[in-house]
N, C-alpha and C. Protein backbone atom coordinates (compact mmCIF):
# COMPACT_ATOMS: atom_id res chain seq x y z
N MET A 1 91.13 -49.87 -75.03
CA MET A 1 91.68 -50.44 -74.14
C MET A 1 93.02 -48.70 -73.78
N ALA A 2 93.00 -48.48 -72.78
CA ALA A 2 93.96 -47.11 -72.59
C ALA A 2 95.67 -47.72 -72.66
N SER A 3 95.82 -46.60 -73.33
CA SER A 3 97.07 -47.01 -73.41
C SER A 3 98.26 -46.80 -71.93
N ILE A 4 99.25 -47.25 -71.52
CA ILE A 4 99.89 -47.07 -70.43
C ILE A 4 100.10 -45.75 -69.41
N GLU A 5 100.35 -44.85 -70.92
CA GLU A 5 100.53 -43.92 -70.21
C GLU A 5 99.11 -43.28 -69.69
N GLU A 6 98.09 -43.60 -70.53
CA GLU A 6 96.70 -43.12 -69.92
C GLU A 6 95.98 -44.23 -68.45
N ARG A 7 96.69 -44.90 -68.05
CA ARG A 7 96.47 -45.93 -67.32
C ARG A 7 97.00 -45.24 -65.94
N VAL A 8 98.36 -44.92 -66.08
CA VAL A 8 99.26 -44.34 -65.29
C VAL A 8 98.76 -43.29 -64.49
N GLU A 9 98.45 -42.65 -65.76
CA GLU A 9 97.92 -40.86 -65.44
C GLU A 9 96.68 -40.89 -64.42
N GLU A 10 95.40 -41.97 -64.91
CA GLU A 10 94.34 -41.86 -64.06
C GLU A 10 95.00 -42.83 -62.83
N LEU A 11 96.17 -43.42 -62.53
CA LEU A 11 96.46 -43.79 -61.03
C LEU A 11 97.10 -43.31 -60.45
N VAL A 12 97.83 -42.22 -60.38
CA VAL A 12 98.55 -41.27 -59.89
C VAL A 12 98.32 -39.92 -59.49
N LYS A 13 97.30 -39.57 -60.33
CA LYS A 13 97.08 -37.74 -60.36
C LYS A 13 96.76 -37.71 -59.43
N LYS A 14 95.93 -37.91 -58.57
CA LYS A 14 95.25 -38.23 -57.44
C LYS A 14 96.04 -37.58 -56.35
N THR A 15 97.19 -38.91 -56.53
CA THR A 15 97.85 -38.89 -55.57
C THR A 15 99.06 -37.56 -55.82
N ILE A 16 99.29 -37.17 -56.63
CA ILE A 16 100.04 -36.23 -57.16
C ILE A 16 99.47 -34.97 -56.78
N GLU A 17 98.12 -34.90 -56.99
CA GLU A 17 97.07 -33.42 -56.58
C GLU A 17 97.21 -33.17 -54.94
N ASP A 18 97.24 -34.29 -54.44
CA ASP A 18 97.26 -34.53 -53.03
C ASP A 18 98.48 -33.87 -52.11
N LEU A 19 99.52 -33.92 -53.10
CA LEU A 19 100.72 -33.38 -52.60
C LEU A 19 100.87 -32.12 -53.16
N ASP A 20 99.80 -31.35 -53.76
CA ASP A 20 99.87 -30.10 -53.81
C ASP A 20 100.84 -29.50 -55.48
N TYR A 21 100.66 -30.68 -56.07
CA TYR A 21 101.53 -30.56 -57.57
C TYR A 21 100.61 -30.90 -58.72
N GLU A 22 101.22 -30.76 -59.76
CA GLU A 22 100.41 -30.68 -61.03
C GLU A 22 100.80 -32.12 -62.02
N LEU A 23 99.95 -32.90 -61.99
CA LEU A 23 100.61 -33.72 -62.94
C LEU A 23 100.51 -33.18 -63.83
N TYR A 24 101.57 -33.06 -64.78
CA TYR A 24 102.02 -32.02 -66.35
C TYR A 24 101.88 -33.25 -67.19
N ASP A 25 103.00 -34.19 -67.21
CA ASP A 25 102.53 -35.77 -67.80
C ASP A 25 103.16 -36.70 -67.87
N VAL A 26 103.13 -37.79 -68.59
CA VAL A 26 103.08 -39.26 -68.35
C VAL A 26 103.99 -39.45 -69.36
N GLN A 27 104.77 -39.94 -69.36
CA GLN A 27 105.59 -40.34 -71.24
C GLN A 27 106.19 -42.45 -70.47
N TYR A 28 105.92 -43.14 -71.65
CA TYR A 28 106.33 -44.21 -71.16
C TYR A 28 107.28 -44.53 -72.67
N ALA A 29 108.56 -44.48 -72.61
CA ALA A 29 109.38 -45.06 -73.57
C ALA A 29 110.46 -46.05 -73.53
N LYS A 30 110.79 -46.82 -74.63
CA LYS A 30 111.97 -47.87 -74.62
C LYS A 30 112.94 -47.29 -75.25
N GLU A 31 113.82 -47.63 -74.63
CA GLU A 31 115.15 -46.31 -75.26
C GLU A 31 116.35 -47.80 -75.10
N GLY A 32 116.53 -47.92 -76.27
CA GLY A 32 117.82 -48.70 -76.70
C GLY A 32 117.06 -50.46 -75.76
N LYS A 33 117.54 -51.32 -75.05
CA LYS A 33 116.60 -52.19 -74.78
C LYS A 33 115.90 -51.41 -72.98
N ASP A 34 115.96 -50.80 -73.04
CA ASP A 34 115.35 -50.43 -71.25
C ASP A 34 114.13 -49.60 -71.48
N TYR A 35 113.42 -49.30 -70.78
CA TYR A 35 112.14 -48.76 -70.47
C TYR A 35 112.32 -47.89 -69.75
N PHE A 36 111.35 -46.82 -69.78
CA PHE A 36 111.47 -45.72 -68.78
C PHE A 36 110.23 -45.03 -69.03
N LEU A 37 109.82 -44.93 -67.62
CA LEU A 37 108.40 -44.31 -67.24
C LEU A 37 108.47 -43.00 -66.80
N ARG A 38 108.25 -41.83 -67.40
CA ARG A 38 108.58 -40.91 -67.10
C ARG A 38 107.14 -39.69 -66.53
N ILE A 39 107.13 -38.92 -65.05
CA ILE A 39 106.35 -38.50 -64.65
C ILE A 39 106.24 -37.06 -64.76
N PHE A 40 106.37 -36.06 -65.13
CA PHE A 40 106.71 -34.62 -64.92
C PHE A 40 105.74 -34.17 -64.29
N ILE A 41 106.12 -33.68 -63.02
CA ILE A 41 105.10 -32.52 -62.19
C ILE A 41 105.54 -31.06 -61.89
N ASP A 42 104.91 -30.25 -61.61
CA ASP A 42 105.14 -29.21 -61.68
C ASP A 42 103.55 -28.47 -60.39
N ASN A 43 104.36 -26.98 -60.31
CA ASN A 43 103.34 -26.26 -59.04
C ASN A 43 103.81 -24.90 -59.45
N GLU A 44 103.59 -23.93 -58.93
CA GLU A 44 103.87 -22.63 -59.14
C GLU A 44 105.21 -22.13 -58.71
N LYS A 45 105.38 -23.00 -57.66
CA LYS A 45 106.73 -22.51 -57.02
C LYS A 45 107.93 -23.40 -57.51
N GLY A 46 107.97 -24.40 -58.72
CA GLY A 46 108.98 -24.87 -59.16
C GLY A 46 108.92 -26.19 -58.78
N ILE A 47 109.71 -26.71 -58.99
CA ILE A 47 109.72 -28.09 -58.69
C ILE A 47 111.58 -28.15 -58.30
N ASP A 48 112.03 -29.00 -57.43
CA ASP A 48 113.35 -29.32 -57.01
C ASP A 48 113.30 -30.58 -56.79
N LEU A 49 114.67 -31.60 -56.33
CA LEU A 49 114.89 -32.84 -56.57
C LEU A 49 113.91 -33.34 -54.82
N ASN A 50 113.47 -32.76 -53.86
CA ASN A 50 112.51 -32.97 -52.45
C ASN A 50 111.66 -33.23 -53.21
N ASP A 51 110.99 -32.23 -54.18
CA ASP A 51 109.81 -32.51 -54.26
C ASP A 51 109.21 -33.25 -55.33
N CYS A 52 110.67 -33.88 -56.43
CA CYS A 52 110.21 -35.02 -57.05
C CYS A 52 110.38 -36.63 -56.50
N GLU A 53 111.76 -36.40 -55.00
CA GLU A 53 111.74 -37.67 -54.18
C GLU A 53 110.15 -37.74 -53.57
N LYS A 54 109.57 -36.50 -52.92
CA LYS A 54 108.49 -37.14 -52.41
C LYS A 54 107.43 -37.88 -53.22
N VAL A 55 107.38 -37.17 -54.60
CA VAL A 55 105.90 -37.83 -55.58
C VAL A 55 106.61 -39.14 -55.50
N ASN A 56 108.19 -39.56 -56.01
CA ASN A 56 108.10 -40.72 -56.45
C ASN A 56 107.78 -41.77 -55.44
N ASP A 57 108.35 -41.62 -54.14
CA ASP A 57 108.18 -42.31 -52.96
C ASP A 57 106.35 -42.67 -52.63
N ALA A 58 105.81 -41.98 -53.19
CA ALA A 58 103.82 -41.69 -53.10
C ALA A 58 103.26 -42.38 -54.07
N ILE A 59 104.43 -42.62 -55.20
CA ILE A 59 103.31 -42.83 -56.32
C ILE A 59 103.98 -44.83 -56.72
N ASN A 60 105.13 -44.68 -56.01
CA ASN A 60 105.96 -46.57 -56.55
C ASN A 60 105.10 -47.40 -56.32
N GLU A 61 104.43 -47.43 -55.06
CA GLU A 61 104.03 -48.77 -54.15
C GLU A 61 102.74 -48.78 -55.02
N LEU A 62 101.86 -47.65 -54.99
CA LEU A 62 100.93 -47.72 -56.33
C LEU A 62 100.82 -48.14 -57.94
N LEU A 63 102.16 -47.57 -58.30
CA LEU A 63 102.26 -48.66 -59.75
C LEU A 63 103.33 -49.88 -59.62
N ASP A 64 103.42 -50.61 -58.62
CA ASP A 64 103.70 -51.38 -57.92
C ASP A 64 102.91 -52.63 -57.72
N GLN A 65 101.63 -52.16 -56.93
CA GLN A 65 100.65 -52.78 -56.67
C GLN A 65 99.45 -53.10 -58.03
N ALA A 66 99.14 -51.89 -58.93
CA ALA A 66 98.29 -51.89 -59.81
C ALA A 66 99.03 -52.96 -61.02
N ASP A 67 100.79 -52.59 -61.08
CA ASP A 67 100.94 -53.75 -62.21
C ASP A 67 100.78 -53.79 -63.61
N CYS A 68 100.44 -52.48 -63.80
CA CYS A 68 99.97 -52.34 -65.48
C CYS A 68 100.82 -52.02 -66.25
N ILE A 69 102.18 -52.23 -65.73
CA ILE A 69 103.39 -52.22 -66.75
C ILE A 69 104.10 -53.62 -66.90
N LYS A 70 104.44 -54.41 -67.51
CA LYS A 70 104.86 -56.02 -67.67
C LYS A 70 106.43 -55.80 -67.85
N GLU A 71 106.79 -54.49 -68.27
CA GLU A 71 108.45 -55.20 -68.44
C GLU A 71 108.72 -54.25 -67.53
N GLN A 72 109.95 -54.51 -67.15
CA GLN A 72 110.91 -54.27 -66.00
C GLN A 72 111.30 -52.75 -66.56
N TYR A 73 110.87 -51.67 -66.08
CA TYR A 73 111.17 -50.43 -66.39
C TYR A 73 112.12 -49.27 -65.36
N PHE A 74 112.11 -48.06 -65.55
CA PHE A 74 113.05 -47.27 -64.55
C PHE A 74 112.04 -46.11 -64.28
N LEU A 75 111.96 -45.84 -63.22
CA LEU A 75 110.96 -44.90 -63.10
C LEU A 75 111.67 -43.11 -62.53
N GLU A 76 111.16 -42.39 -63.51
CA GLU A 76 111.56 -40.83 -63.29
C GLU A 76 110.63 -40.02 -62.66
N VAL A 77 111.06 -39.40 -62.12
CA VAL A 77 110.30 -38.01 -61.70
C VAL A 77 110.61 -36.76 -62.07
N SER A 78 110.32 -36.27 -62.69
CA SER A 78 110.94 -34.84 -62.80
C SER A 78 110.06 -33.53 -62.99
N SER A 79 110.36 -31.92 -63.06
CA SER A 79 110.21 -30.81 -63.31
C SER A 79 109.52 -30.71 -65.03
N PRO A 80 108.73 -30.72 -65.77
CA PRO A 80 108.87 -30.34 -67.22
C PRO A 80 110.03 -29.79 -67.62
N GLY A 81 110.51 -28.77 -67.32
CA GLY A 81 111.60 -27.79 -67.55
C GLY A 81 111.18 -26.43 -67.72
N ILE A 82 112.09 -25.64 -68.32
CA ILE A 82 111.85 -24.48 -69.00
C ILE A 82 111.35 -24.90 -70.44
N GLU A 83 112.13 -25.28 -71.08
CA GLU A 83 111.97 -25.81 -72.52
C GLU A 83 110.55 -27.39 -72.56
N ARG A 84 109.35 -26.61 -72.15
CA ARG A 84 108.90 -27.76 -71.75
C ARG A 84 107.93 -28.10 -73.17
N ILE A 85 108.16 -29.52 -73.04
CA ILE A 85 106.98 -30.20 -73.93
C ILE A 85 105.91 -29.73 -74.44
N LEU A 86 105.13 -29.77 -75.13
CA LEU A 86 103.51 -29.30 -75.05
C LEU A 86 102.72 -30.52 -75.79
N ARG A 87 102.49 -31.56 -75.34
CA ARG A 87 102.26 -32.20 -75.82
C ARG A 87 100.49 -32.60 -76.00
N LYS A 88 99.73 -31.84 -75.01
CA LYS A 88 98.56 -31.98 -74.73
C LYS A 88 97.94 -30.28 -74.92
N ASN A 89 96.53 -30.71 -75.57
CA ASN A 89 95.74 -29.16 -75.73
C ASN A 89 95.89 -28.79 -74.10
N LYS A 90 95.74 -29.39 -73.24
CA LYS A 90 96.06 -28.71 -71.82
C LYS A 90 96.97 -27.48 -71.73
N HIS A 91 98.17 -28.10 -72.55
CA HIS A 91 99.68 -27.71 -72.21
C HIS A 91 99.54 -26.29 -73.30
N LEU A 92 99.24 -26.34 -74.29
CA LEU A 92 99.21 -25.34 -75.31
C LEU A 92 98.45 -24.52 -75.30
N GLU A 93 97.37 -24.80 -74.45
CA GLU A 93 96.04 -23.65 -73.83
C GLU A 93 96.99 -22.38 -72.82
N LYS A 94 97.57 -23.47 -72.08
CA LYS A 94 98.50 -22.80 -70.92
C LYS A 94 99.87 -21.73 -71.73
N SER A 95 100.07 -21.48 -72.71
CA SER A 95 101.47 -21.44 -73.70
C SER A 95 101.02 -20.07 -74.85
N ILE A 96 99.42 -20.07 -74.83
CA ILE A 96 99.04 -19.09 -75.77
C ILE A 96 99.75 -17.82 -75.01
N GLU A 97 99.84 -17.03 -76.01
CA GLU A 97 101.00 -15.98 -76.29
C GLU A 97 102.01 -16.02 -75.86
N LYS A 98 102.36 -17.10 -76.10
CA LYS A 98 104.33 -17.56 -75.12
C LYS A 98 104.88 -17.87 -76.60
N GLU A 99 106.22 -17.84 -76.59
CA GLU A 99 107.41 -18.57 -77.54
C GLU A 99 107.21 -19.86 -78.05
N VAL A 100 107.27 -20.04 -78.69
CA VAL A 100 107.14 -21.45 -79.10
C VAL A 100 108.13 -21.70 -80.08
N GLU A 101 109.01 -23.35 -80.21
CA GLU A 101 109.59 -24.05 -80.73
C GLU A 101 108.75 -24.99 -81.78
N ILE A 102 109.17 -25.14 -82.80
CA ILE A 102 108.17 -26.25 -83.90
C ILE A 102 109.03 -26.96 -84.71
N LYS A 103 108.98 -28.21 -84.44
CA LYS A 103 109.96 -29.02 -85.25
C LYS A 103 108.96 -29.64 -86.07
N LEU A 104 109.27 -30.11 -87.96
CA LEU A 104 108.29 -30.60 -88.44
C LEU A 104 108.77 -31.92 -89.05
N PHE A 105 107.93 -32.66 -89.60
CA PHE A 105 108.33 -33.86 -90.19
C PHE A 105 108.81 -33.72 -91.53
N LYS A 106 108.19 -32.46 -92.09
CA LYS A 106 107.88 -32.21 -93.45
C LYS A 106 108.20 -30.94 -93.93
N PRO A 107 109.33 -30.24 -94.38
CA PRO A 107 109.86 -28.80 -94.52
C PRO A 107 108.16 -28.21 -95.19
N ILE A 108 108.01 -26.93 -94.54
CA ILE A 108 107.17 -25.81 -95.30
C ILE A 108 107.99 -24.48 -95.22
N ASP A 109 108.16 -24.24 -96.75
CA ASP A 109 109.11 -22.94 -97.21
C ASP A 109 110.17 -23.26 -97.43
N GLY A 110 110.55 -24.68 -97.01
CA GLY A 110 111.99 -25.16 -97.10
C GLY A 110 112.80 -24.93 -95.91
N LYS A 111 111.83 -24.99 -94.84
CA LYS A 111 112.22 -25.20 -93.06
C LYS A 111 111.38 -26.14 -92.57
N LYS A 112 112.35 -26.48 -91.68
CA LYS A 112 111.90 -28.03 -91.15
C LYS A 112 111.81 -27.21 -89.41
N GLU A 113 111.77 -26.19 -89.20
CA GLU A 113 111.83 -25.57 -87.90
C GLU A 113 111.14 -24.18 -87.93
N TYR A 114 110.51 -23.77 -86.78
CA TYR A 114 109.81 -22.39 -86.66
C TYR A 114 109.80 -22.28 -85.06
N VAL A 115 109.79 -20.55 -84.81
CA VAL A 115 109.92 -20.40 -83.78
C VAL A 115 109.04 -19.05 -83.78
N GLY A 116 107.97 -19.13 -83.00
CA GLY A 116 107.19 -18.16 -82.63
C GLY A 116 106.23 -18.03 -81.52
N ILE A 117 105.17 -16.87 -81.36
CA ILE A 117 104.19 -16.76 -80.37
C ILE A 117 102.88 -17.68 -80.89
N LEU A 118 102.48 -18.04 -79.86
CA LEU A 118 101.55 -19.30 -80.28
C LEU A 118 100.15 -18.53 -79.89
N LYS A 119 99.62 -17.97 -81.38
CA LYS A 119 98.48 -17.58 -81.14
C LYS A 119 97.50 -18.57 -80.69
N LYS A 120 97.23 -19.50 -81.33
CA LYS A 120 95.65 -20.47 -81.39
C LYS A 120 96.14 -21.73 -81.90
N TYR A 121 94.82 -22.48 -81.69
CA TYR A 121 95.50 -24.15 -82.02
C TYR A 121 93.75 -24.78 -82.21
N ASN A 122 93.71 -26.04 -83.13
CA ASN A 122 92.56 -26.38 -82.81
C ASN A 122 93.24 -27.84 -82.52
N GLU A 123 92.10 -28.75 -83.14
CA GLU A 123 92.55 -30.29 -83.40
C GLU A 123 93.26 -30.36 -84.85
N GLU A 124 93.41 -29.79 -85.85
CA GLU A 124 93.84 -29.90 -86.79
C GLU A 124 95.48 -29.24 -86.99
N ASN A 125 95.53 -27.50 -86.47
CA ASN A 125 96.28 -26.73 -86.56
C ASN A 125 96.81 -25.72 -85.23
N ILE A 126 97.83 -25.21 -85.44
CA ILE A 126 98.42 -24.37 -84.77
C ILE A 126 98.89 -23.23 -85.47
N GLU A 127 98.58 -22.20 -84.56
CA GLU A 127 98.94 -20.74 -85.35
C GLU A 127 99.75 -20.06 -84.59
N ILE A 128 101.23 -19.56 -85.01
CA ILE A 128 102.05 -18.89 -84.64
C ILE A 128 102.07 -17.75 -85.49
N GLU A 129 102.78 -16.69 -84.79
CA GLU A 129 103.26 -15.40 -85.35
C GLU A 129 104.68 -15.11 -85.47
N ILE A 130 105.13 -14.82 -86.53
CA ILE A 130 106.26 -14.92 -87.02
C ILE A 130 106.38 -13.37 -87.45
N GLU A 131 107.05 -12.38 -87.15
CA GLU A 131 107.74 -11.47 -87.51
C GLU A 131 106.43 -10.31 -87.78
N ASN A 132 105.12 -10.26 -87.07
CA ASN A 132 103.96 -9.69 -87.35
C ASN A 132 103.14 -10.72 -88.77
N GLU A 133 103.22 -11.57 -88.90
CA GLU A 133 102.63 -12.72 -89.89
C GLU A 133 102.58 -13.58 -89.20
N ASN A 134 101.53 -14.32 -89.36
CA ASN A 134 100.51 -15.55 -88.63
C ASN A 134 100.93 -16.73 -89.76
N LYS A 135 101.63 -17.71 -89.32
CA LYS A 135 101.85 -19.06 -89.77
C LYS A 135 101.02 -20.23 -89.13
N ILE A 136 100.40 -20.92 -90.50
CA ILE A 136 99.33 -22.26 -89.88
C ILE A 136 100.24 -23.47 -90.12
N ILE A 137 100.30 -24.24 -89.22
CA ILE A 137 100.75 -25.39 -89.17
C ILE A 137 100.11 -26.69 -88.90
N GLU A 138 99.79 -27.31 -89.86
CA GLU A 138 98.97 -28.94 -89.92
C GLU A 138 99.76 -29.89 -88.56
N ARG A 139 99.12 -29.87 -87.57
CA ARG A 139 99.56 -30.56 -86.26
C ARG A 139 100.11 -32.21 -86.67
N SER A 140 99.40 -32.64 -87.68
CA SER A 140 99.87 -33.89 -87.94
C SER A 140 101.54 -33.77 -88.85
N ASN A 141 101.86 -32.34 -88.80
CA ASN A 141 103.24 -32.61 -89.57
C ASN A 141 104.18 -31.95 -88.42
N ILE A 142 103.35 -32.38 -86.74
CA ILE A 142 104.50 -31.35 -86.43
C ILE A 142 105.14 -32.49 -85.07
N SER A 143 106.59 -32.47 -85.47
CA SER A 143 107.19 -33.65 -84.72
C SER A 143 107.32 -33.51 -82.97
N LEU A 144 107.44 -32.08 -83.11
CA LEU A 144 107.65 -31.49 -81.95
C LEU A 144 107.22 -30.41 -81.46
N ILE A 145 106.92 -29.54 -80.50
CA ILE A 145 106.75 -28.54 -80.36
C ILE A 145 106.74 -28.01 -78.34
N LYS A 146 107.84 -27.00 -78.75
CA LYS A 146 108.28 -26.99 -76.98
C LYS A 146 107.99 -25.09 -77.03
N ILE A 147 107.81 -24.91 -75.51
CA ILE A 147 108.18 -23.77 -75.12
C ILE A 147 110.04 -23.10 -75.57
N HIS A 148 109.89 -22.14 -76.17
CA HIS A 148 111.13 -21.64 -76.69
C HIS A 148 111.89 -20.58 -75.60
N TYR A 149 112.97 -20.66 -74.75
CA TYR A 149 113.88 -19.95 -74.18
C TYR A 149 114.83 -19.26 -74.58
N ASN A 150 114.61 -18.01 -74.66
CA ASN A 150 116.16 -17.49 -75.35
C ASN A 150 117.52 -17.62 -74.15
N TRP A 151 118.49 -18.21 -74.39
CA TRP A 151 119.26 -18.80 -73.06
C TRP A 151 120.79 -17.86 -73.55
N ASN A 152 120.13 -16.73 -74.62
CA ASN A 152 121.33 -15.57 -74.32
C ASN A 152 120.89 -14.39 -73.26
């Protein structure tokens, strides 16, 4: 059986694409006592509040009719942001040669966080370049990988 995230993605993908947006990701999470369904959209021009509202209005009824989430939840539509999380292979593919930040479950060489250029990936590993040296990190040890933006 497909997860809630997969069912929602399948349900809303075409509607979002028909509005000229990319469905970047779907996340369903419980935070405290509340449930959140987060739909992340993107396009080449960027995303603003009007874009989020347009997509929200277009998918709200679809979600209500499909009734694939039994709990009461809050729907949030937003951009994945500058420091977007890279959860799927399609996200990693678009991020080759970009600077990423990786947080680990268990330290490697005494560190639980690395920043480097994403060189390649496969189902088991991520390879990043740090100061002209490549480091291979097992995907099972990665708690978070996202685009790194230098705010200075």
